[in-house]
């Protein structure tokens, strides 16, 4: 996916708020190599919205759809 030059960057707190999770959850995902792709700017972690949306799209369990 090509990045939009106007793509919004989310903080780890904003990502956690998006899912209604504690901020330590996406931090744990990152330490395990899971979750959306992120970038580090110094000590700050940021998630590009387009990467978050792509990752969300991959989270669907297609097994339920096959039985319909």
C-alpha atoms as a PDB file:
ATOM      1  CA  UNK A   1       0.000   0.000   0.000  1.00  0.00           C
ATOM      2  CA  UNK A   2       1.396   3.368  -1.010  1.00  0.00           C
ATOM      3  CA  UNK A   3       1.423   5.911   1.787  1.00  0.00           C
ATOM      4  CA  UNK A   4      -0.688   9.028   1.384  1.00  0.00           C
ATOM      5  CA  UNK A   5       1.497  12.096   1.829  1.00  0.00           C
ATOM      6  CA  UNK A   6      -1.214  13.535   4.095  1.00  0.00           C
ATOM      7  CA  UNK A   7      -1.573  10.366   6.174  1.00  0.00           C
ATOM      8  CA  UNK A   8      -2.268  10.946   9.860  1.00  0.00           C
ATOM      9  CA  UNK A   9       0.099   9.545  12.487  1.00  0.00           C
ATOM     10  CA  UNK A  10      -1.359   8.103  15.704  1.00  0.00           C
ATOM     11  CA  UNK A  11       0.375   7.869  19.054  1.00  0.00           C
ATOM     12  CA  UNK A  12       0.340   4.611  20.959  1.00  0.00           C
ATOM     13  CA  UNK A  13      -2.261   6.150  23.294  1.00  0.00           C
ATOM     14  CA  UNK A  14      -4.477   7.113  20.349  1.00  0.00           C
ATOM     15  CA  UNK A  15      -4.208   3.578  18.979  1.00  0.00           C
ATOM     16  CA  UNK A  16      -5.152   2.116  22.352  1.00  0.00           C
ATOM     17  CA  UNK A  17      -8.088   4.545  22.610  1.00  0.00           C
ATOM     18  CA  UNK A  18      -9.250   3.514  19.114  1.00  0.00           C
ATOM     19  CA  UNK A  19      -9.709  -0.057  20.376  1.00  0.00           C
ATOM     20  CA  UNK A  20     -10.708   0.750  23.951  1.00  0.00           C
ATOM     21  CA  UNK A  21      -7.596  -0.974  25.295  1.00  0.00           C
ATOM     22  CA  UNK A  22      -4.943  -0.050  27.844  1.00  0.00           C
ATOM     23  CA  UNK A  23      -1.883   1.587  26.261  1.00  0.00           C
ATOM     24  CA  UNK A  24       0.237  -1.358  27.427  1.00  0.00           C
ATOM     25  CA  UNK A  25      -1.614  -3.666  24.999  1.00  0.00           C
ATOM     26  CA  UNK A  26      -0.235  -2.159  21.762  1.00  0.00           C
ATOM     27  CA  UNK A  27       3.128  -1.836  23.507  1.00  0.00           C
ATOM     28  CA  UNK A  28       2.995  -5.582  24.166  1.00  0.00           C
ATOM     29  CA  UNK A  29       2.044  -6.261  20.551  1.00  0.00           C
ATOM     30  CA  UNK A  30       5.071  -4.280  19.394  1.00  0.00           C
ATOM     31  CA  UNK A  31       7.446  -6.169  21.694  1.00  0.00           C
ATOM     32  CA  UNK A  32       6.110  -9.460  20.239  1.00  0.00           C
ATOM     33  CA  UNK A  33       6.290  -8.285  16.622  1.00  0.00           C
ATOM     34  CA  UNK A  34       2.488  -8.176  16.321  1.00  0.00           C
ATOM     35  CA  UNK A  35      -0.018  -5.405  15.735  1.00  0.00           C
ATOM     36  CA  UNK A  36       0.115  -2.619  13.176  1.00  0.00           C
ATOM     37  CA  UNK A  37       3.399  -1.504  11.661  1.00  0.00           C
ATOM     38  CA  UNK A  38       4.914   1.474  13.491  1.00  0.00           C
ATOM     39  CA  UNK A  39       7.774   3.930  13.284  1.00  0.00           C
ATOM     40  CA  UNK A  40       9.975   5.338  16.028  1.00  0.00           C
ATOM     41  CA  UNK A  41      10.871   9.008  16.054  1.00  0.00           C
ATOM     42  CA  UNK A  42      13.437   9.217  18.814  1.00  0.00           C
ATOM     43  CA  UNK A  43      11.653   7.757  21.821  1.00  0.00           C
ATOM     44  CA  UNK A  44       8.191   8.308  20.312  1.00  0.00           C
ATOM     45  CA  UNK A  45       6.269   5.491  18.621  1.00  0.00           C
ATOM     46  CA  UNK A  46       3.799   6.455  15.898  1.00  0.00           C
ATOM     47  CA  UNK A  47       1.389   4.439  13.789  1.00  0.00           C
ATOM     48  CA  UNK A  48       0.482   5.602  10.290  1.00  0.00           C
ATOM     49  CA  UNK A  49      -3.305   5.493   9.919  1.00  0.00           C
ATOM     50  CA  UNK A  50      -3.090   3.710   6.548  1.00  0.00           C
ATOM     51  CA  UNK A  51      -1.018   0.937   8.194  1.00  0.00           C
ATOM     52  CA  UNK A  52      -3.520   0.683  11.051  1.00  0.00           C
ATOM     53  CA  UNK A  53      -6.422   0.374   8.599  1.00  0.00           C
ATOM     54  CA  UNK A  54      -4.578  -2.277   6.574  1.00  0.00           C
ATOM     55  CA  UNK A  55      -3.810  -4.259   9.743  1.00  0.00           C
ATOM     56  CA  UNK A  56      -7.432  -3.994  10.889  1.00  0.00           C
ATOM     57  CA  UNK A  57      -8.567  -5.425   7.560  1.00  0.00           C
ATOM     58  CA  UNK A  58      -6.342  -8.466   8.109  1.00  0.00           C
ATOM     59  CA  UNK A  59      -7.900  -9.239  11.501  1.00  0.00           C
ATOM     60  CA  UNK A  60     -11.184 -10.654  10.217  1.00  0.00           C
ATOM     61  CA  UNK A  61     -11.711 -14.369  10.721  1.00  0.00           C
ATOM     62  CA  UNK A  62     -12.819 -15.634   7.321  1.00  0.00           C
ATOM     63  CA  UNK A  63     -13.839 -19.051   8.727  1.00  0.00           C
ATOM     64  CA  UNK A  64     -17.251 -17.642   9.706  1.00  0.00           C
ATOM     65  CA  UNK A  65     -17.814 -16.276   6.213  1.00  0.00           C
ATOM     66  CA  UNK A  66     -17.116 -19.659   4.575  1.00  0.00           C
ATOM     67  CA  UNK A  67     -19.956 -21.338   6.464  1.00  0.00           C
ATOM     68  CA  UNK A  68     -22.570 -18.760   5.408  1.00  0.00           C
END
